[in-house]
Amino acid sequence: METRLLGRTGVKLSVLGFGCGAVGGMMVRGEAAEQERAVARALALGINFFDTAPMYGNGASERNLGRVLKVLKPEIFLSTKLTIRPEDRGDIAAAVINSLEASLNRLGRTHVDLLQLHNRIDAAGDDRPLPAETVIAEVAPALDALKRQGKIRFTGITALGDTALLHRVVDAGVFDTAQICFNLLNPSAAGPLPAGLPGQDFKGLATRAHAAGMGTIGIRVLAGGALSGSVERHPTGVPVVPPIASGPDYAADARNAHRFDTLIQAGHAGSLIEAALRFAISTPAMTTVLVGTSTVDQLEVAAAAILKGPLTKAALDQVAKLSAS
């Protein structure tokens, strides 16, 4: 498994990370034995990055991952997150501490490698918005205090929200990493948003973060599963997946995925899933990409695609033409 430097941290992460979220659902709703088998297989494949959060299954993901890690005792890079709620705004430092302590208790750990803000960075909205000035002036110092205590090694953001505010936080240079939405349906974090494609324009956010020395973590690289081209969902996964920064709904994203069928017909990839995953690692601006799965077989498919490496230049040229059509 290829590894890449996580920005200025000096840490090398596998280019494929193990996502423990609710969309795929393995570490939230999977059977205990299957969870252990999946993590063991990921380790055997060379995956060293595992990402979870308190919000995934209301703590279930952290508890289940902690149980499996206690059995397997691997050397990994472990990331979790924190959410600042409206009622926390009066004492953000305390909220950061309390969230991490609860996560450590569920994980059965004394520290984690990376703690990321899970809020959207925005001035308003109905999905956990947090203003950029609050993120820079209050959240970042609270996380730095945890660094000094040895509770965490690095700090990061989930780079969703208002594009201009996301760039402002990246430019502040106060975080080590950023989780960034990047996929075939919306490649704007590392290039132009093709005219006519729906979705938020991130205006080269991943490229900017990478240039600033931040580690970049690709999220929604399969658009929640829509880049399989199918609307069918595995019962372990969530039944409805609202898009992030792409089309109006999951079905529209799945339809739009088929504009890339000619990549398979031309022999550039064996499937839409393979094309999407290899596209996601084709830019040096992306350190690693997270994939959440429902089964071990899905993990095998993802790993097999990643092991083929980035798409060729000819394939990327065709992607650009297809995106613009």
C-alpha atoms as a PDB file:
ATOM      1  CA  MET A   1       0.000   0.000   0.000  1.00  0.00           C
ATOM      2  CA  GLU A   2       1.378   3.398  -1.011  1.00  0.00           C
ATOM      3  CA  THR A   3       1.982   5.861   1.821  1.00  0.00           C
ATOM      4  CA  ARG A   4       2.113   9.648   1.662  1.00  0.00           C
ATOM      5  CA  LEU A   5       3.290  12.317   4.068  1.00  0.00           C
ATOM      6  CA  LEU A   6       0.497  13.902   6.090  1.00  0.00           C
ATOM      7  CA  GLY A   7       1.532  17.467   5.454  1.00  0.00           C
ATOM      8  CA  ARG A   8       4.052  18.935   7.882  1.00  0.00           C
ATOM      9  CA  THR A   9       3.341  16.282  10.541  1.00  0.00           C
ATOM     10  CA  GLY A  10       6.084  13.983   9.251  1.00  0.00           C
ATOM     11  CA  VAL A  11       3.693  11.021   9.554  1.00  0.00           C
ATOM     12  CA  LYS A  12       3.211   8.672   6.613  1.00  0.00           C
ATOM     13  CA  LEU A  13      -0.326   7.417   6.089  1.00  0.00           C
ATOM     14  CA  SER A  14      -1.612   4.693   3.804  1.00  0.00           C
ATOM     15  CA  VAL A  15      -3.246   6.302   0.789  1.00  0.00           C
ATOM     16  CA  LEU A  16      -6.407   4.369   1.681  1.00  0.00           C
ATOM     17  CA  GLY A  17      -7.894   4.997   5.116  1.00  0.00           C
ATOM     18  CA  PHE A  18     -10.453   2.900   7.002  1.00  0.00           C
ATOM     19  CA  GLY A  19     -13.595   4.971   7.534  1.00  0.00           C
ATOM     20  CA  CYS A  20     -15.633   3.996  10.571  1.00  0.00           C
ATOM     21  CA  GLY A  21     -18.652   6.163   9.783  1.00  0.00           C
ATOM     22  CA  ALA A  22     -22.345   5.488   9.559  1.00  0.00           C
ATOM     23  CA  VAL A  23     -22.690   5.608   5.758  1.00  0.00           C
ATOM     24  CA  GLY A  24     -21.001   2.247   5.189  1.00  0.00           C
ATOM     25  CA  GLY A  25     -21.929   1.228   8.691  1.00  0.00           C
ATOM     26  CA  MET A  26     -19.441  -1.602   9.341  1.00  0.00           C
ATOM     27  CA  MET A  27     -18.206  -0.215  12.672  1.00  0.00           C
ATOM     28  CA  VAL A  28     -21.649   1.057  13.678  1.00  0.00           C
ATOM     29  CA  ARG A  29     -24.060  -1.746  12.793  1.00  0.00           C
ATOM     30  CA  GLY A  30     -21.825  -4.650  11.750  1.00  0.00           C
ATOM     31  CA  GLU A  31     -21.527  -7.881  13.716  1.00  0.00           C
ATOM     32  CA  ALA A  32     -18.684  -7.905  16.243  1.00  0.00           C
ATOM     33  CA  ALA A  33     -16.839 -10.777  14.549  1.00  0.00           C
ATOM     34  CA  GLU A  34     -17.175  -9.103  11.147  1.00  0.00           C
ATOM     35  CA  GLN A  35     -15.838  -5.831  12.558  1.00  0.00           C
ATOM     36  CA  GLU A  36     -12.767  -7.595  13.894  1.00  0.00           C
ATOM     37  CA  ARG A  37     -12.284  -9.411  10.604  1.00  0.00           C
ATOM     38  CA  ALA A  38     -12.546  -6.151   8.651  1.00  0.00           C
ATOM     39  CA  VAL A  39     -10.010  -4.307  10.786  1.00  0.00           C
ATOM     40  CA  ALA A  40      -7.615  -7.268  10.689  1.00  0.00           C
ATOM     41  CA  ARG A  41      -7.924  -7.438   6.920  1.00  0.00           C
ATOM     42  CA  ALA A  42      -7.352  -3.688   6.600  1.00  0.00           C
ATOM     43  CA  LEU A  43      -4.159  -4.007   8.619  1.00  0.00           C
ATOM     44  CA  ALA A  44      -2.995  -6.914   6.456  1.00  0.00           C
ATOM     45  CA  LEU A  45      -3.589  -4.764   3.364  1.00  0.00           C
ATOM     46  CA  GLY A  46      -1.288  -2.086   4.767  1.00  0.00           C
ATOM     47  CA  ILE A  47      -3.941   0.364   5.935  1.00  0.00           C
ATOM     48  CA  ASN A  48      -2.671   2.287   8.962  1.00  0.00           C
ATOM     49  CA  PHE A  49      -5.202   5.149   9.177  1.00  0.00           C
ATOM     50  CA  PHE A  50      -8.479   4.650  11.044  1.00  0.00           C
ATOM     51  CA  ASP A  51     -11.017   7.452  11.385  1.00  0.00           C
ATOM     52  CA  THR A  52     -14.017   7.603  13.696  1.00  0.00           C
ATOM     53  CA  ALA A  53     -16.182  10.182  15.493  1.00  0.00           C
ATOM     54  CA  PRO A  54     -18.599  10.427  18.430  1.00  0.00           C
ATOM     55  CA  MET A  55     -21.451  11.185  16.008  1.00  0.00           C
ATOM     56  CA  TYR A  56     -21.077   7.857  14.213  1.00  0.00           C
ATOM     57  CA  GLY A  57     -23.792   5.742  15.758  1.00  0.00           C
ATOM     58  CA  ASN A  58     -23.985   7.987  18.841  1.00  0.00           C
ATOM     59  CA  GLY A  59     -20.664   6.630  20.121  1.00  0.00           C
ATOM     60  CA  ALA A  60     -21.087   3.074  18.775  1.00  0.00           C
ATOM     61  CA  SER A  61     -18.298   3.446  16.215  1.00  0.00           C
ATOM     62  CA  GLU A  62     -15.770   4.526  18.843  1.00  0.00           C
ATOM     63  CA  ARG A  63     -16.823   1.762  21.248  1.00  0.00           C
ATOM     64  CA  ASN A  64     -16.677  -0.930  18.585  1.00  0.00           C
ATOM     65  CA  LEU A  65     -13.365   0.258  17.184  1.00  0.00           C
ATOM     66  CA  GLY A  66     -11.934   0.468  20.691  1.00  0.00           C
ATOM     67  CA  ARG A  67     -13.009  -3.105  21.406  1.00  0.00           C
ATOM     68  CA  VAL A  68     -11.393  -4.403  18.218  1.00  0.00           C
ATOM     69  CA  LEU A  69      -8.166  -2.446  18.752  1.00  0.00           C
ATOM     70  CA  LYS A  70      -7.902  -3.852  22.267  1.00  0.00           C
ATOM     71  CA  VAL A  71      -7.938  -7.369  20.806  1.00  0.00           C
ATOM     72  CA  LEU A  72      -5.646  -6.761  17.827  1.00  0.00           C
ATOM     73  CA  LYS A  73      -3.289  -4.226  19.456  1.00  0.00           C
ATOM     74  CA  PRO A  74      -2.065  -2.765  16.147  1.00  0.00           C
ATOM     75  CA  GLU A  75       0.210   0.202  15.566  1.00  0.00           C
ATOM     76  CA  ILE A  76      -2.081   2.643  13.762  1.00  0.00           C
ATOM     77  CA  PHE A  77      -2.794   6.321  13.235  1.00  0.00           C
ATOM     78  CA  LEU A  78      -6.114   6.970  14.978  1.00  0.00           C
ATOM     79  CA  SER A  79      -8.360   9.953  14.371  1.00  0.00           C
ATOM     80  CA  THR A  80     -11.581  11.053  16.016  1.00  0.00           C
ATOM     81  CA  LYS A  81     -13.570  14.267  16.094  1.00  0.00           C
ATOM     82  CA  LEU A  82     -15.498  16.722  18.239  1.00  0.00           C
ATOM     83  CA  THR A  83     -18.600  18.808  17.678  1.00  0.00           C
ATOM     84  CA  ILE A  84     -19.232  22.179  19.287  1.00  0.00           C
ATOM     85  CA  ARG A  85     -22.944  22.430  20.041  1.00  0.00           C
ATOM     86  CA  PRO A  86     -24.792  25.748  20.432  1.00  0.00           C
ATOM     87  CA  GLU A  87     -24.913  25.265  24.209  1.00  0.00           C
ATOM     88  CA  ASP A  88     -21.115  24.811  24.250  1.00  0.00           C
ATOM     89  CA  ARG A  89     -20.359  28.213  22.795  1.00  0.00           C
ATOM     90  CA  GLY A  90     -19.998  29.816  26.227  1.00  0.00           C
ATOM     91  CA  ASP A  91     -17.018  27.618  27.139  1.00  0.00           C
ATOM     92  CA  ILE A  92     -15.516  26.016  24.055  1.00  0.00           C
ATOM     93  CA  ALA A  93     -12.322  24.963  25.830  1.00  0.00           C
ATOM     94  CA  ALA A  94     -14.323  22.875  28.303  1.00  0.00           C
ATOM     95  CA  ALA A  95     -16.426  21.383  25.509  1.00  0.00           C
ATOM     96  CA  VAL A  96     -13.282  20.308  23.642  1.00  0.00           C
ATOM     97  CA  ILE A  97     -11.855  18.637  26.747  1.00  0.00           C
ATOM     98  CA  ASN A  98     -15.116  16.908  27.641  1.00  0.00           C
ATOM     99  CA  SER A  99     -15.612  15.596  24.113  1.00  0.00           C
ATOM    100  CA  LEU A 100     -12.116  14.146  23.918  1.00  0.00           C
ATOM    101  CA  GLU A 101     -12.325  12.527  27.348  1.00  0.00           C
ATOM    102  CA  ALA A 102     -15.602  10.853  26.397  1.00  0.00           C
ATOM    103  CA  SER A 103     -14.043   9.637  23.132  1.00  0.00           C
ATOM    104  CA  LEU A 104     -10.967   8.282  24.904  1.00  0.00           C
ATOM    105  CA  ASN A 105     -13.202   6.427  27.338  1.00  0.00           C
ATOM    106  CA  ARG A 106     -15.170   4.812  24.504  1.00  0.00           C
ATOM    107  CA  LEU A 107     -12.013   3.986  22.566  1.00  0.00           C
ATOM    108  CA  GLY A 108     -10.160   2.674  25.632  1.00  0.00           C
ATOM    109  CA  ARG A 109      -7.172   4.895  24.835  1.00  0.00           C
ATOM    110  CA  THR A 110      -5.099   7.480  26.676  1.00  0.00           C
ATOM    111  CA  HIS A 111      -4.595   9.603  23.557  1.00  0.00           C
ATOM    112  CA  VAL A 112      -5.409   9.823  19.846  1.00  0.00           C
ATOM    113  CA  ASP A 113      -3.189  10.896  16.991  1.00  0.00           C
ATOM    114  CA  LEU A 114      -5.585  13.378  15.417  1.00  0.00           C
ATOM    115  CA  LEU A 115      -8.563  15.306  16.782  1.00  0.00           C
ATOM    116  CA  GLN A 116     -10.671  17.105  14.190  1.00  0.00           C
ATOM    117  CA  LEU A 117     -13.425  19.672  14.456  1.00  0.00           C
ATOM    118  CA  HIS A 118     -16.584  18.126  12.998  1.00  0.00           C
ATOM    119  CA  ASN A 119     -18.627  21.325  12.649  1.00  0.00           C
ATOM    120  CA  ARG A 120     -19.307  23.022   9.340  1.00  0.00           C
ATOM    121  CA  ILE A 121     -17.383  26.266   9.084  1.00  0.00           C
ATOM    122  CA  ASP A 122     -20.080  28.746   8.221  1.00  0.00           C
ATOM    123  CA  ALA A 123     -21.749  31.895   9.506  1.00  0.00           C
ATOM    124  CA  ALA A 124     -25.212  30.327   9.506  1.00  0.00           C
ATOM    125  CA  GLY A 125     -27.169  27.218   8.572  1.00  0.00           C
ATOM    126  CA  ASP A 126     -28.896  24.261  10.192  1.00  0.00           C
ATOM    127  CA  ASP A 127     -26.010  21.744  10.278  1.00  0.00           C
ATOM    128  CA  ARG A 128     -23.662  22.604  13.155  1.00  0.00           C
ATOM    129  CA  PRO A 129     -22.329  25.917  11.738  1.00  0.00           C
ATOM    130  CA  LEU A 130     -19.391  27.545  13.499  1.00  0.00           C
ATOM    131  CA  PRO A 131     -17.959  30.904  12.391  1.00  0.00           C
ATOM    132  CA  ALA A 132     -14.390  30.980  11.109  1.00  0.00           C
ATOM    133  CA  GLU A 133     -13.310  33.477  13.746  1.00  0.00           C
ATOM    134  CA  THR A 134     -14.509  31.142  16.491  1.00  0.00           C
ATOM    135  CA  VAL A 135     -12.684  28.206  14.905  1.00  0.00           C
ATOM    136  CA  ILE A 136      -9.431  30.163  14.683  1.00  0.00           C
ATOM    137  CA  ALA A 137      -9.572  32.094  17.951  1.00  0.00           C
ATOM    138  CA  GLU A 138     -11.179  29.553  20.287  1.00  0.00           C
ATOM    139  CA  VAL A 139     -11.195  25.998  18.918  1.00  0.00           C
ATOM    140  CA  ALA A 140      -7.592  25.985  17.681  1.00  0.00           C
ATOM    141  CA  PRO A 141      -6.094  27.165  21.021  1.00  0.00           C
ATOM    142  CA  ALA A 142      -8.185  24.617  22.931  1.00  0.00           C
ATOM    143  CA  LEU A 143      -6.861  21.836  20.715  1.00  0.00           C
ATOM    144  CA  ASP A 144      -3.299  23.119  21.059  1.00  0.00           C
ATOM    145  CA  ALA A 145      -3.656  22.854  24.836  1.00  0.00           C
ATOM    146  CA  LEU A 146      -4.496  19.158  24.415  1.00  0.00           C
ATOM    147  CA  LYS A 147      -1.377  18.759  22.295  1.00  0.00           C
ATOM    148  CA  ARG A 148       0.748  20.142  25.099  1.00  0.00           C
ATOM    149  CA  GLN A 149      -0.878  17.689  27.521  1.00  0.00           C
ATOM    150  CA  GLY A 150      -0.030  14.739  25.257  1.00  0.00           C
ATOM    151  CA  LYS A 151      -3.696  13.853  24.718  1.00  0.00           C
ATOM    152  CA  ILE A 152      -3.466  14.404  20.957  1.00  0.00           C
ATOM    153  CA  ARG A 153      -0.625  14.757  18.470  1.00  0.00           C
ATOM    154  CA  PHE A 154      -2.279  16.772  15.700  1.00  0.00           C
ATOM    155  CA  THR A 155      -5.340  18.921  15.037  1.00  0.00           C
ATOM    156  CA  GLY A 156      -7.657  19.209  12.071  1.00  0.00           C
ATOM    157  CA  ILE A 157     -10.895  20.468  10.597  1.00  0.00           C
ATOM    158  CA  THR A 158     -13.700  19.001   8.554  1.00  0.00           C
ATOM    159  CA  ALA A 159     -13.507  21.377   5.608  1.00  0.00           C
ATOM    160  CA  LEU A 160     -17.205  21.729   4.857  1.00  0.00           C
ATOM    161  CA  GLY A 161     -19.160  24.959   4.914  1.00  0.00           C
ATOM    162  CA  ASP A 162     -18.676  28.307   3.219  1.00  0.00           C
ATOM    163  CA  THR A 163     -15.847  28.169   0.665  1.00  0.00           C
ATOM    164  CA  ALA A 164     -14.387  31.586   1.499  1.00  0.00           C
ATOM    165  CA  LEU A 165     -14.423  30.815   5.227  1.00  0.00           C
ATOM    166  CA  LEU A 166     -12.781  27.433   4.652  1.00  0.00           C
ATOM    167  CA  HIS A 167      -9.959  29.146   2.766  1.00  0.00           C
ATOM    168  CA  ARG A 168      -9.653  31.664   5.588  1.00  0.00           C
ATOM    169  CA  VAL A 169      -9.191  28.914   8.181  1.00  0.00           C
ATOM    170  CA  VAL A 170      -6.673  27.079   5.990  1.00  0.00           C
ATOM    171  CA  ASP A 171      -4.730  30.304   5.469  1.00  0.00           C
ATOM    172  CA  ALA A 172      -4.615  30.902   9.246  1.00  0.00           C
ATOM    173  CA  GLY A 173      -2.172  27.993   9.540  1.00  0.00           C
ATOM    174  CA  VAL A 174      -3.475  26.867  12.938  1.00  0.00           C
ATOM    175  CA  PHE A 175      -4.488  23.285  12.029  1.00  0.00           C
ATOM    176  CA  ASP A 176      -2.448  20.320  10.827  1.00  0.00           C
ATOM    177  CA  THR A 177      -5.033  18.601   8.627  1.00  0.00           C
ATOM    178  CA  ALA A 178      -8.255  19.087   6.703  1.00  0.00           C
ATOM    179  CA  GLN A 179     -10.887  16.552   5.661  1.00  0.00           C
ATOM    180  CA  ILE A 180     -11.943  17.655   2.190  1.00  0.00           C
ATOM    181  CA  CYS A 181     -14.784  16.560  -0.084  1.00  0.00           C
ATOM    182  CA  PHE A 182     -13.319  15.406  -3.413  1.00  0.00           C
ATOM    183  CA  ASN A 183     -14.694  13.079  -6.067  1.00  0.00           C
ATOM    184  CA  LEU A 184     -15.462  12.621  -9.760  1.00  0.00           C
ATOM    185  CA  LEU A 185     -18.764  14.454  -9.350  1.00  0.00           C
ATOM    186  CA  ASN A 186     -17.119  17.435  -7.671  1.00  0.00           C
ATOM    187  CA  PRO A 187     -13.367  17.728  -8.303  1.00  0.00           C
ATOM    188  CA  SER A 188     -13.238  21.431  -7.409  1.00  0.00           C
ATOM    189  CA  ALA A 189     -11.050  20.943  -4.317  1.00  0.00           C
ATOM    190  CA  ALA A 190      -8.114  20.212  -6.621  1.00  0.00           C
ATOM    191  CA  GLY A 191      -9.173  21.840  -9.891  1.00  0.00           C
ATOM    192  CA  PRO A 192     -11.966  23.726 -11.613  1.00  0.00           C
ATOM    193  CA  LEU A 193     -15.606  22.830 -11.132  1.00  0.00           C
ATOM    194  CA  PRO A 194     -16.715  21.932 -14.668  1.00  0.00           C
ATOM    195  CA  ALA A 195     -19.371  24.234 -16.080  1.00  0.00           C
ATOM    196  CA  GLY A 196     -22.834  22.791 -15.739  1.00  0.00           C
ATOM    197  CA  LEU A 197     -21.977  20.333 -12.977  1.00  0.00           C
ATOM    198  CA  PRO A 198     -24.004  20.789  -9.796  1.00  0.00           C
ATOM    199  CA  GLY A 199     -22.206  21.228  -6.524  1.00  0.00           C
ATOM    200  CA  GLN A 200     -20.297  23.647  -4.371  1.00  0.00           C
ATOM    201  CA  ASP A 201     -17.139  25.162  -5.825  1.00  0.00           C
ATOM    202  CA  PHE A 202     -14.340  24.614  -3.283  1.00  0.00           C
ATOM    203  CA  LYS A 203     -11.965  26.691  -5.460  1.00  0.00           C
ATOM    204  CA  GLY A 204      -8.899  24.463  -5.123  1.00  0.00           C
ATOM    205  CA  LEU A 205      -9.158  24.025  -1.347  1.00  0.00           C
ATOM    206  CA  ALA A 206      -7.125  20.791  -1.257  1.00  0.00           C
ATOM    207  CA  THR A 207      -4.379  22.281  -3.402  1.00  0.00           C
ATOM    208  CA  ARG A 208      -4.260  25.337  -1.157  1.00  0.00           C
ATOM    209  CA  ALA A 209      -4.171  23.270   2.030  1.00  0.00           C
ATOM    210  CA  HIS A 210      -1.473  20.997   0.627  1.00  0.00           C
ATOM    211  CA  ALA A 211       0.649  24.001  -0.391  1.00  0.00           C
ATOM    212  CA  ALA A 212       0.269  25.374   3.147  1.00  0.00           C
ATOM    213  CA  GLY A 213       1.714  22.156   4.611  1.00  0.00           C
ATOM    214  CA  MET A 214      -1.553  20.660   5.806  1.00  0.00           C
ATOM    215  CA  GLY A 215      -2.329  16.979   5.532  1.00  0.00           C
ATOM    216  CA  THR A 216      -5.370  16.425   3.306  1.00  0.00           C
ATOM    217  CA  ILE A 217      -7.891  13.658   3.911  1.00  0.00           C
ATOM    218  CA  GLY A 218     -10.326  12.927   1.104  1.00  0.00           C
ATOM    219  CA  ILE A 219     -13.919  12.311   2.132  1.00  0.00           C
ATOM    220  CA  ARG A 220     -16.961  11.347   0.055  1.00  0.00           C
ATOM    221  CA  VAL A 221     -14.618  10.026  -2.635  1.00  0.00           C
ATOM    222  CA  LEU A 222     -17.410   7.628  -3.665  1.00  0.00           C
ATOM    223  CA  ALA A 223     -20.115  10.264  -3.064  1.00  0.00           C
ATOM    224  CA  GLY A 224     -21.576   8.134  -0.290  1.00  0.00           C
ATOM    225  CA  GLY A 225     -21.759   5.154  -2.648  1.00  0.00           C
ATOM    226  CA  ALA A 226     -23.427   6.940  -5.566  1.00  0.00           C
ATOM    227  CA  LEU A 227     -20.280   6.610  -7.678  1.00  0.00           C
ATOM    228  CA  SER A 228     -21.032   2.896  -7.892  1.00  0.00           C
ATOM    229  CA  GLY A 229     -23.738   4.015 -10.304  1.00  0.00           C
ATOM    230  CA  SER A 230     -26.348   2.106  -8.304  1.00  0.00           C
ATOM    231  CA  VAL A 231     -29.065   3.338  -5.967  1.00  0.00           C
ATOM    232  CA  GLU A 232     -29.116   0.026  -4.090  1.00  0.00           C
ATOM    233  CA  ARG A 233     -27.902   0.216  -0.485  1.00  0.00           C
ATOM    234  CA  HIS A 234     -26.446  -2.586   1.647  1.00  0.00           C
ATOM    235  CA  PRO A 235     -28.576  -3.181   4.775  1.00  0.00           C
ATOM    236  CA  THR A 236     -25.601  -2.444   7.032  1.00  0.00           C
ATOM    237  CA  GLY A 237     -25.267   1.032   5.525  1.00  0.00           C
ATOM    238  CA  VAL A 238     -27.616   3.925   6.065  1.00  0.00           C
ATOM    239  CA  PRO A 239     -30.659   3.651   3.771  1.00  0.00           C
ATOM    240  CA  VAL A 240     -30.625   7.317   2.701  1.00  0.00           C
ATOM    241  CA  VAL A 241     -27.423   9.257   2.016  1.00  0.00           C
ATOM    242  CA  PRO A 242     -27.853  13.018   1.545  1.00  0.00           C
ATOM    243  CA  PRO A 243     -25.246  14.291  -0.914  1.00  0.00           C
ATOM    244  CA  ILE A 244     -22.466  16.623   0.182  1.00  0.00           C
ATOM    245  CA  ALA A 245     -21.473  19.331  -2.294  1.00  0.00           C
ATOM    246  CA  SER A 246     -22.676  17.372  -5.349  1.00  0.00           C
ATOM    247  CA  GLY A 247     -26.165  16.759  -6.793  1.00  0.00           C
ATOM    248  CA  PRO A 248     -29.615  17.439  -5.378  1.00  0.00           C
ATOM    249  CA  ASP A 249     -30.075  13.857  -4.154  1.00  0.00           C
ATOM    250  CA  TYR A 250     -28.439  10.439  -4.110  1.00  0.00           C
ATOM    251  CA  ALA A 251     -30.350   9.177  -7.139  1.00  0.00           C
ATOM    252  CA  ALA A 252     -29.178  12.163  -9.192  1.00  0.00           C
ATOM    253  CA  ASP A 253     -25.584  11.517  -8.149  1.00  0.00           C
ATOM    254  CA  ALA A 254     -25.900   7.844  -9.150  1.00  0.00           C
ATOM    255  CA  ARG A 255     -27.246   8.886 -12.563  1.00  0.00           C
ATOM    256  CA  ASN A 256     -24.461  11.440 -13.020  1.00  0.00           C
ATOM    257  CA  ALA A 257     -21.907   8.747 -12.181  1.00  0.00           C
ATOM    258  CA  HIS A 258     -22.712   7.020 -15.458  1.00  0.00           C
ATOM    259  CA  ARG A 259     -21.239   9.883 -17.466  1.00  0.00           C
ATOM    260  CA  PHE A 260     -17.931   8.175 -16.617  1.00  0.00           C
ATOM    261  CA  ASP A 261     -18.910   4.773 -18.044  1.00  0.00           C
ATOM    262  CA  THR A 262     -16.656   5.384 -21.049  1.00  0.00           C
ATOM    263  CA  LEU A 263     -13.627   5.179 -18.732  1.00  0.00           C
ATOM    264  CA  ILE A 264     -14.479   1.526 -18.259  1.00  0.00           C
ATOM    265  CA  GLN A 265     -15.296   1.022 -21.939  1.00  0.00           C
ATOM    266  CA  ALA A 266     -11.918   2.521 -22.866  1.00  0.00           C
ATOM    267  CA  GLY A 267     -10.122   0.186 -20.458  1.00  0.00           C
ATOM    268  CA  HIS A 268      -8.947   2.884 -18.038  1.00  0.00           C
ATOM    269  CA  ALA A 269     -10.653   1.154 -15.086  1.00  0.00           C
ATOM    270  CA  GLY A 270     -12.563  -2.032 -14.387  1.00  0.00           C
ATOM    271  CA  SER A 271     -15.579  -0.383 -12.762  1.00  0.00           C
ATOM    272  CA  LEU A 272     -16.997   2.987 -11.752  1.00  0.00           C
ATOM    273  CA  ILE A 273     -15.881   2.349  -8.180  1.00  0.00           C
ATOM    274  CA  GLU A 274     -12.336   1.667  -9.314  1.00  0.00           C
ATOM    275  CA  ALA A 275     -12.328   4.766 -11.515  1.00  0.00           C
ATOM    276  CA  ALA A 276     -13.614   6.938  -8.670  1.00  0.00           C
ATOM    277  CA  LEU A 277     -11.080   5.691  -6.133  1.00  0.00           C
ATOM    278  CA  ARG A 278      -8.131   5.918  -8.479  1.00  0.00           C
ATOM    279  CA  PHE A 279      -9.225   9.412  -9.516  1.00  0.00           C
ATOM    280  CA  ALA A 280      -9.317  10.488  -5.864  1.00  0.00           C
ATOM    281  CA  ILE A 281      -5.650   9.600  -5.345  1.00  0.00           C
ATOM    282  CA  SER A 282      -4.512  11.005  -8.682  1.00  0.00           C
ATOM    283  CA  THR A 283      -3.701  14.424  -7.270  1.00  0.00           C
ATOM    284  CA  PRO A 284      -0.639  14.924  -5.038  1.00  0.00           C
ATOM    285  CA  ALA A 285      -2.789  17.412  -3.143  1.00  0.00           C
ATOM    286  CA  MET A 286      -4.544  14.459  -1.453  1.00  0.00           C
ATOM    287  CA  THR A 287      -2.674  12.586   1.278  1.00  0.00           C
ATOM    288  CA  THR A 288      -5.171   9.811   1.899  1.00  0.00           C
ATOM    289  CA  VAL A 289      -8.783   8.960   1.115  1.00  0.00           C
ATOM    290  CA  LEU A 290     -11.312   7.535   3.529  1.00  0.00           C
ATOM    291  CA  VAL A 291     -13.666   4.773   2.440  1.00  0.00           C
ATOM    292  CA  GLY A 292     -16.379   3.397   4.675  1.00  0.00           C
ATOM    293  CA  THR A 293     -17.620  -0.087   3.863  1.00  0.00           C
ATOM    294  CA  SER A 294     -20.509  -2.355   4.822  1.00  0.00           C
ATOM    295  CA  THR A 295     -18.688  -5.660   4.273  1.00  0.00           C
ATOM    296  CA  VAL A 296     -15.180  -7.075   4.106  1.00  0.00           C
ATOM    297  CA  ASP A 297     -15.775  -7.791   0.418  1.00  0.00           C
ATOM    298  CA  GLN A 298     -16.334  -4.065  -0.190  1.00  0.00           C
ATOM    299  CA  LEU A 299     -13.067  -3.343   1.605  1.00  0.00           C
ATOM    300  CA  GLU A 300     -11.317  -5.813  -0.711  1.00  0.00           C
ATOM    301  CA  VAL A 301     -12.774  -4.064  -3.759  1.00  0.00           C
ATOM    302  CA  ALA A 302     -11.630  -0.662  -2.519  1.00  0.00           C
ATOM    303  CA  ALA A 303      -8.139  -1.871  -1.685  1.00  0.00           C
ATOM    304  CA  ALA A 304      -7.755  -3.652  -5.034  1.00  0.00           C
ATOM    305  CA  ALA A 305      -8.651  -0.424  -6.829  1.00  0.00           C
ATOM    306  CA  ILE A 306      -6.248   1.687  -4.782  1.00  0.00           C
ATOM    307  CA  LEU A 307      -3.427  -0.817  -5.280  1.00  0.00           C
ATOM    308  CA  LYS A 308      -3.656  -0.178  -9.040  1.00  0.00           C
ATOM    309  CA  GLY A 309      -2.499   3.363  -8.377  1.00  0.00           C
ATOM    310  CA  PRO A 310      -3.683   6.723  -9.713  1.00  0.00           C
ATOM    311  CA  LEU A 311      -5.427   7.003 -13.063  1.00  0.00           C
ATOM    312  CA  THR A 312      -3.175   7.535 -16.059  1.00  0.00           C
ATOM    313  CA  LYS A 313      -2.851  10.943 -17.701  1.00  0.00           C
ATOM    314  CA  ALA A 314      -4.914   9.671 -20.635  1.00  0.00           C
ATOM    315  CA  ALA A 315      -7.676   8.654 -18.242  1.00  0.00           C
ATOM    316  CA  LEU A 316      -7.551  11.991 -16.425  1.00  0.00           C
ATOM    317  CA  ASP A 317      -7.742  13.828 -19.735  1.00  0.00           C
ATOM    318  CA  GLN A 318     -10.858  11.834 -20.556  1.00  0.00           C
ATOM    319  CA  VAL A 319     -12.329  12.623 -17.123  1.00  0.00           C
ATOM    320  CA  ALA A 320     -11.881  16.320 -17.836  1.00  0.00           C
ATOM    321  CA  LYS A 321     -13.660  15.985 -21.184  1.00  0.00           C
ATOM    322  CA  LEU A 322     -16.495  13.952 -19.691  1.00  0.00           C
ATOM    323  CA  SER A 323     -16.938  16.418 -16.832  1.00  0.00           C
ATOM    324  CA  ALA A 324     -17.220  19.294 -19.261  1.00  0.00           C
ATOM    325  CA  SER A 325     -19.718  17.548 -21.534  1.00  0.00           C
END
